[in-house]
Amino acid sequence: MSRKELLLKNWEFTYEQEDWYPPLRDALSGVTAAQASWRPVGEAANTIWENVSHLLYYKERLLHRLLGTEFPLSAESNDDTFVPSGGPDDEDAWKQAQQRMESVHRQIQEKLASLSEEAFDQGLPTTSIAQSVMSIMLHDACHTGQIVQIRKLQGSWPAKRHFT
């Protein structure tokens, strides 16, 4: 398996295909805006929606870097990337956030599939595409685990899951 094939396969694992952990799409499946806005006890805990907003910021930034286009958003700090686009009762805004996640994931996947093996060594701007993609996948895995944990704490995660 080539490096490109390995990265693309793991890209699938982060969002849509079960591997060692649930993919992000499954972790978000069936979550309402109220559930996405629920905060566990403790100031250090983020909501599901805050985690999704954070993931979106960095995935959209990666997409713009891959496309060579200007990233229209800016955050003065990492904390600024956790701001959700709507309130706890805004089902439309929550659905839009989920649709943005699906879209940006697919667009990155398509761009990566179109690259040559050698292109993965190019910098974005200084870190290679391969390393940037690997970093985003690990980032997604970390926050997906947090989302699953939040769902377990709020009782919205199935007590038993079956997957293949």
C-alpha atoms as a PDB file:
ATOM      1  CA  MET A   1       0.000   0.000   0.000  1.00  0.00           C
ATOM      2  CA  SER A   2       1.413   3.379  -0.978  1.00  0.00           C
ATOM      3  CA  ARG A   3       1.579   6.325   1.396  1.00  0.00           C
ATOM      4  CA  LYS A   4      -1.238   7.999  -0.561  1.00  0.00           C
ATOM      5  CA  GLU A   5      -3.441   4.896  -0.298  1.00  0.00           C
ATOM      6  CA  LEU A   6      -2.680   4.608   3.409  1.00  0.00           C
ATOM      7  CA  LEU A   7      -3.591   8.243   4.056  1.00  0.00           C
ATOM      8  CA  LEU A   8      -6.792   7.971   2.008  1.00  0.00           C
ATOM      9  CA  LYS A   9      -7.839   4.774   3.813  1.00  0.00           C
ATOM     10  CA  ASN A  10      -7.277   6.383   7.190  1.00  0.00           C
ATOM     11  CA  TRP A  11      -9.108   9.499   5.987  1.00  0.00           C
ATOM     12  CA  GLU A  12     -12.155   7.218   5.546  1.00  0.00           C
ATOM     13  CA  PHE A  13     -11.675   5.849   9.070  1.00  0.00           C
ATOM     14  CA  THR A  14     -11.773   9.315  10.629  1.00  0.00           C
ATOM     15  CA  TYR A  15     -15.189  10.190   9.246  1.00  0.00           C
ATOM     16  CA  GLU A  16     -17.167   7.364   7.725  1.00  0.00           C
ATOM     17  CA  GLN A  17     -15.763   3.896   8.299  1.00  0.00           C
ATOM     18  CA  GLU A  18     -15.379   2.138  11.648  1.00  0.00           C
ATOM     19  CA  ASP A  19     -11.855   1.085  12.586  1.00  0.00           C
ATOM     20  CA  TRP A  20     -10.447   1.201  16.135  1.00  0.00           C
ATOM     21  CA  TYR A  21     -12.867   3.945  17.120  1.00  0.00           C
ATOM     22  CA  PRO A  22     -16.219   5.198  15.859  1.00  0.00           C
ATOM     23  CA  PRO A  23     -15.922   7.551  12.893  1.00  0.00           C
ATOM     24  CA  LEU A  24     -16.961  11.161  13.370  1.00  0.00           C
ATOM     25  CA  ARG A  25     -20.114  10.769  11.255  1.00  0.00           C
ATOM     26  CA  ASP A  26     -21.338   7.987  13.576  1.00  0.00           C
ATOM     27  CA  ALA A  27     -20.381  10.019  16.659  1.00  0.00           C
ATOM     28  CA  LEU A  28     -22.597  12.866  15.394  1.00  0.00           C
ATOM     29  CA  SER A  29     -25.447  10.729  14.076  1.00  0.00           C
ATOM     30  CA  GLY A  30     -28.793  11.511  15.686  1.00  0.00           C
ATOM     31  CA  VAL A  31     -27.422  14.318  17.865  1.00  0.00           C
ATOM     32  CA  THR A  32     -29.847  17.210  18.309  1.00  0.00           C
ATOM     33  CA  ALA A  33     -28.845  20.860  18.692  1.00  0.00           C
ATOM     34  CA  ALA A  34     -29.711  20.636  22.394  1.00  0.00           C
ATOM     35  CA  GLN A  35     -27.494  17.555  22.838  1.00  0.00           C
ATOM     36  CA  ALA A  36     -24.734  19.191  20.796  1.00  0.00           C
ATOM     37  CA  SER A  37     -24.929  22.229  23.117  1.00  0.00           C
ATOM     38  CA  TRP A  38     -24.955  20.253  26.375  1.00  0.00           C
ATOM     39  CA  ARG A  39     -21.898  20.894  28.556  1.00  0.00           C
ATOM     40  CA  PRO A  40     -20.566  18.368  31.046  1.00  0.00           C
ATOM     41  CA  VAL A  41     -19.795  19.660  34.513  1.00  0.00           C
ATOM     42  CA  GLY A  42     -16.559  21.606  34.629  1.00  0.00           C
ATOM     43  CA  GLU A  43     -15.394  24.724  32.836  1.00  0.00           C
ATOM     44  CA  ALA A  44     -12.710  22.859  30.918  1.00  0.00           C
ATOM     45  CA  ALA A  45     -15.232  20.681  29.086  1.00  0.00           C
ATOM     46  CA  ASN A  46     -16.343  21.611  25.577  1.00  0.00           C
ATOM     47  CA  THR A  47     -19.710  20.796  24.053  1.00  0.00           C
ATOM     48  CA  ILE A  48     -20.106  18.565  21.018  1.00  0.00           C
ATOM     49  CA  TRP A  49     -20.935  21.623  18.916  1.00  0.00           C
ATOM     50  CA  GLU A  50     -17.861  23.471  20.164  1.00  0.00           C
ATOM     51  CA  ASN A  51     -15.738  20.466  19.185  1.00  0.00           C
ATOM     52  CA  VAL A  52     -17.368  20.353  15.747  1.00  0.00           C
ATOM     53  CA  SER A  53     -16.741  24.084  15.250  1.00  0.00           C
ATOM     54  CA  HIS A  54     -13.098  23.567  16.188  1.00  0.00           C
ATOM     55  CA  LEU A  55     -12.718  20.616  13.806  1.00  0.00           C
ATOM     56  CA  LEU A  56     -14.395  22.563  11.015  1.00  0.00           C
ATOM     57  CA  TYR A  57     -12.029  25.496  11.412  1.00  0.00           C
ATOM     58  CA  TYR A  58      -8.921  23.373  10.957  1.00  0.00           C
ATOM     59  CA  LYS A  59     -10.355  21.131   8.243  1.00  0.00           C
ATOM     60  CA  GLU A  60     -11.550  24.117   6.230  1.00  0.00           C
ATOM     61  CA  ARG A  61      -8.135  25.747   6.690  1.00  0.00           C
ATOM     62  CA  LEU A  62      -6.472  22.566   5.386  1.00  0.00           C
ATOM     63  CA  LEU A  63      -8.816  22.500   2.378  1.00  0.00           C
ATOM     64  CA  HIS A  64      -7.962  26.085   1.469  1.00  0.00           C
ATOM     65  CA  ARG A  65      -4.259  25.322   1.793  1.00  0.00           C
ATOM     66  CA  LEU A  66      -4.626  22.276  -0.462  1.00  0.00           C
ATOM     67  CA  LEU A  67      -6.537  24.331  -3.028  1.00  0.00           C
ATOM     68  CA  GLY A  68      -4.142  27.276  -2.794  1.00  0.00           C
ATOM     69  CA  THR A  69      -7.001  29.622  -1.920  1.00  0.00           C
ATOM     70  CA  GLU A  70      -7.289  32.200   0.825  1.00  0.00           C
ATOM     71  CA  PHE A  71      -8.867  30.975   4.053  1.00  0.00           C
ATOM     72  CA  PRO A  72     -11.609  33.508   4.864  1.00  0.00           C
ATOM     73  CA  LEU A  73     -11.745  32.863   8.621  1.00  0.00           C
ATOM     74  CA  SER A  74      -9.365  34.001  11.302  1.00  0.00           C
ATOM     75  CA  ALA A  75      -8.943  33.093  14.936  1.00  0.00           C
ATOM     76  CA  GLU A  76      -6.696  34.981  17.304  1.00  0.00           C
ATOM     77  CA  SER A  77      -6.285  31.887  19.456  1.00  0.00           C
ATOM     78  CA  ASN A  78      -7.143  28.212  19.400  1.00  0.00           C
ATOM     79  CA  ASP A  79      -9.944  28.965  21.883  1.00  0.00           C
ATOM     80  CA  ASP A  80     -11.614  31.158  19.239  1.00  0.00           C
ATOM     81  CA  THR A  81     -12.107  28.101  17.009  1.00  0.00           C
ATOM     82  CA  PHE A  82     -14.517  26.489  19.490  1.00  0.00           C
ATOM     83  CA  VAL A  83     -17.319  29.031  18.963  1.00  0.00           C
ATOM     84  CA  PRO A  84     -20.449  27.349  17.557  1.00  0.00           C
ATOM     85  CA  SER A  85     -22.538  28.903  14.802  1.00  0.00           C
ATOM     86  CA  GLY A  86     -25.861  28.733  16.631  1.00  0.00           C
ATOM     87  CA  GLY A  87     -27.639  28.322  19.933  1.00  0.00           C
ATOM     88  CA  PRO A  88     -28.936  25.250  21.761  1.00  0.00           C
ATOM     89  CA  ASP A  89     -32.320  25.371  20.022  1.00  0.00           C
ATOM     90  CA  ASP A  90     -31.067  26.183  16.527  1.00  0.00           C
ATOM     91  CA  GLU A  91     -31.552  22.859  14.749  1.00  0.00           C
ATOM     92  CA  ASP A  92     -30.971  24.475  11.343  1.00  0.00           C
ATOM     93  CA  ALA A  93     -27.570  25.872  12.349  1.00  0.00           C
ATOM     94  CA  TRP A  94     -26.592  22.507  13.857  1.00  0.00           C
ATOM     95  CA  LYS A  95     -27.605  20.660  10.671  1.00  0.00           C
ATOM     96  CA  GLN A  96     -25.628  23.199   8.616  1.00  0.00           C
ATOM     97  CA  ALA A  97     -22.552  22.571  10.773  1.00  0.00           C
ATOM     98  CA  GLN A  98     -22.910  18.817  10.167  1.00  0.00           C
ATOM     99  CA  GLN A  99     -23.378  19.396   6.424  1.00  0.00           C
ATOM    100  CA  ARG A 100     -20.273  21.616   6.349  1.00  0.00           C
ATOM    101  CA  MET A 101     -18.330  18.809   8.047  1.00  0.00           C
ATOM    102  CA  GLU A 102     -19.507  16.277   5.469  1.00  0.00           C
ATOM    103  CA  SER A 103     -18.717  18.661   2.606  1.00  0.00           C
ATOM    104  CA  VAL A 104     -15.254  19.684   3.746  1.00  0.00           C
ATOM    105  CA  HIS A 105     -14.340  16.078   4.467  1.00  0.00           C
ATOM    106  CA  ARG A 106     -15.407  14.988   0.961  1.00  0.00           C
ATOM    107  CA  GLN A 107     -13.643  17.929  -0.712  1.00  0.00           C
ATOM    108  CA  ILE A 108     -10.374  17.160   1.070  1.00  0.00           C
ATOM    109  CA  GLN A 109     -10.739  13.484   0.186  1.00  0.00           C
ATOM    110  CA  GLU A 110     -11.268  14.344  -3.498  1.00  0.00           C
ATOM    111  CA  LYS A 111      -8.283  16.689  -3.513  1.00  0.00           C
ATOM    112  CA  LEU A 112      -6.028  14.108  -1.864  1.00  0.00           C
ATOM    113  CA  ALA A 113      -7.163  11.433  -4.332  1.00  0.00           C
ATOM    114  CA  SER A 114      -6.201  13.730  -7.215  1.00  0.00           C
ATOM    115  CA  LEU A 115      -2.638  14.284  -5.984  1.00  0.00           C
ATOM    116  CA  SER A 116       0.370  12.340  -7.162  1.00  0.00           C
ATOM    117  CA  GLU A 117       2.357  10.352  -4.607  1.00  0.00           C
ATOM    118  CA  GLU A 118       5.166  12.911  -4.877  1.00  0.00           C
ATOM    119  CA  ALA A 119       2.832  15.819  -4.140  1.00  0.00           C
ATOM    120  CA  PHE A 120       2.437  14.594  -0.559  1.00  0.00           C
ATOM    121  CA  ASP A 121       5.982  15.868   0.095  1.00  0.00           C
ATOM    122  CA  GLN A 122       5.064  19.470  -0.796  1.00  0.00           C
ATOM    123  CA  GLY A 123       4.774  21.980   2.026  1.00  0.00           C
ATOM    124  CA  LEU A 124       1.544  23.609   3.230  1.00  0.00           C
ATOM    125  CA  PRO A 125       3.330  26.044   3.597  1.00  0.00           C
ATOM    126  CA  THR A 126       6.194  24.427   5.529  1.00  0.00           C
ATOM    127  CA  THR A 127       4.784  21.140   6.805  1.00  0.00           C
ATOM    128  CA  SER A 128       4.330  18.496   4.118  1.00  0.00           C
ATOM    129  CA  ILE A 129       0.870  17.643   2.833  1.00  0.00           C
ATOM    130  CA  ALA A 130       1.320  14.103   4.174  1.00  0.00           C
ATOM    131  CA  GLN A 131       2.173  15.346   7.669  1.00  0.00           C
ATOM    132  CA  SER A 132      -0.599  17.960   7.596  1.00  0.00           C
ATOM    133  CA  VAL A 133      -3.185  15.328   6.642  1.00  0.00           C
ATOM    134  CA  MET A 134      -1.901  12.878   9.253  1.00  0.00           C
ATOM    135  CA  SER A 135      -2.054  15.602  11.892  1.00  0.00           C
ATOM    136  CA  ILE A 136      -5.661  16.462  10.996  1.00  0.00           C
ATOM    137  CA  MET A 137      -6.641  12.784  11.146  1.00  0.00           C
ATOM    138  CA  LEU A 138      -5.146  12.407  14.626  1.00  0.00           C
ATOM    139  CA  HIS A 139      -6.853  15.659  15.636  1.00  0.00           C
ATOM    140  CA  ASP A 140     -10.194  14.314  14.374  1.00  0.00           C
ATOM    141  CA  ALA A 141      -9.672  11.042  16.265  1.00  0.00           C
ATOM    142  CA  CYS A 142      -8.938  12.870  19.502  1.00  0.00           C
ATOM    143  CA  HIS A 143     -12.005  15.091  19.286  1.00  0.00           C
ATOM    144  CA  THR A 144     -14.216  12.232  18.083  1.00  0.00           C
ATOM    145  CA  GLY A 145     -13.287  10.422  21.294  1.00  0.00           C
ATOM    146  CA  GLN A 146     -14.270  13.499  23.279  1.00  0.00           C
ATOM    147  CA  ILE A 147     -17.606  13.674  21.446  1.00  0.00           C
ATOM    148  CA  VAL A 148     -18.308  10.012  22.200  1.00  0.00           C
ATOM    149  CA  GLN A 149     -17.423  10.583  25.860  1.00  0.00           C
ATOM    150  CA  ILE A 150     -19.789  13.578  26.044  1.00  0.00           C
ATOM    151  CA  ARG A 151     -22.542  11.469  24.511  1.00  0.00           C
ATOM    152  CA  LYS A 152     -21.890   8.742  27.090  1.00  0.00           C
ATOM    153  CA  LEU A 153     -22.095  11.296  29.911  1.00  0.00           C
ATOM    154  CA  GLN A 154     -25.400  12.692  28.623  1.00  0.00           C
ATOM    155  CA  GLY A 155     -26.830   9.217  27.966  1.00  0.00           C
ATOM    156  CA  SER A 156     -27.220   9.684  24.200  1.00  0.00           C
ATOM    157  CA  TRP A 157     -24.638   7.045  23.212  1.00  0.00           C
ATOM    158  CA  PRO A 158     -25.909   3.472  22.792  1.00  0.00           C
ATOM    159  CA  ALA A 159     -25.101   1.190  25.702  1.00  0.00           C
ATOM    160  CA  LYS A 160     -24.119  -1.484  23.189  1.00  0.00           C
ATOM    161  CA  ARG A 161     -22.883  -0.834  19.671  1.00  0.00           C
ATOM    162  CA  HIS A 162     -22.572  -3.331  16.874  1.00  0.00           C
ATOM    163  CA  PHE A 163     -20.237  -2.679  13.981  1.00  0.00           C
ATOM    164  CA  THR A 164     -18.412  -4.663  11.369  1.00  0.00           C
END
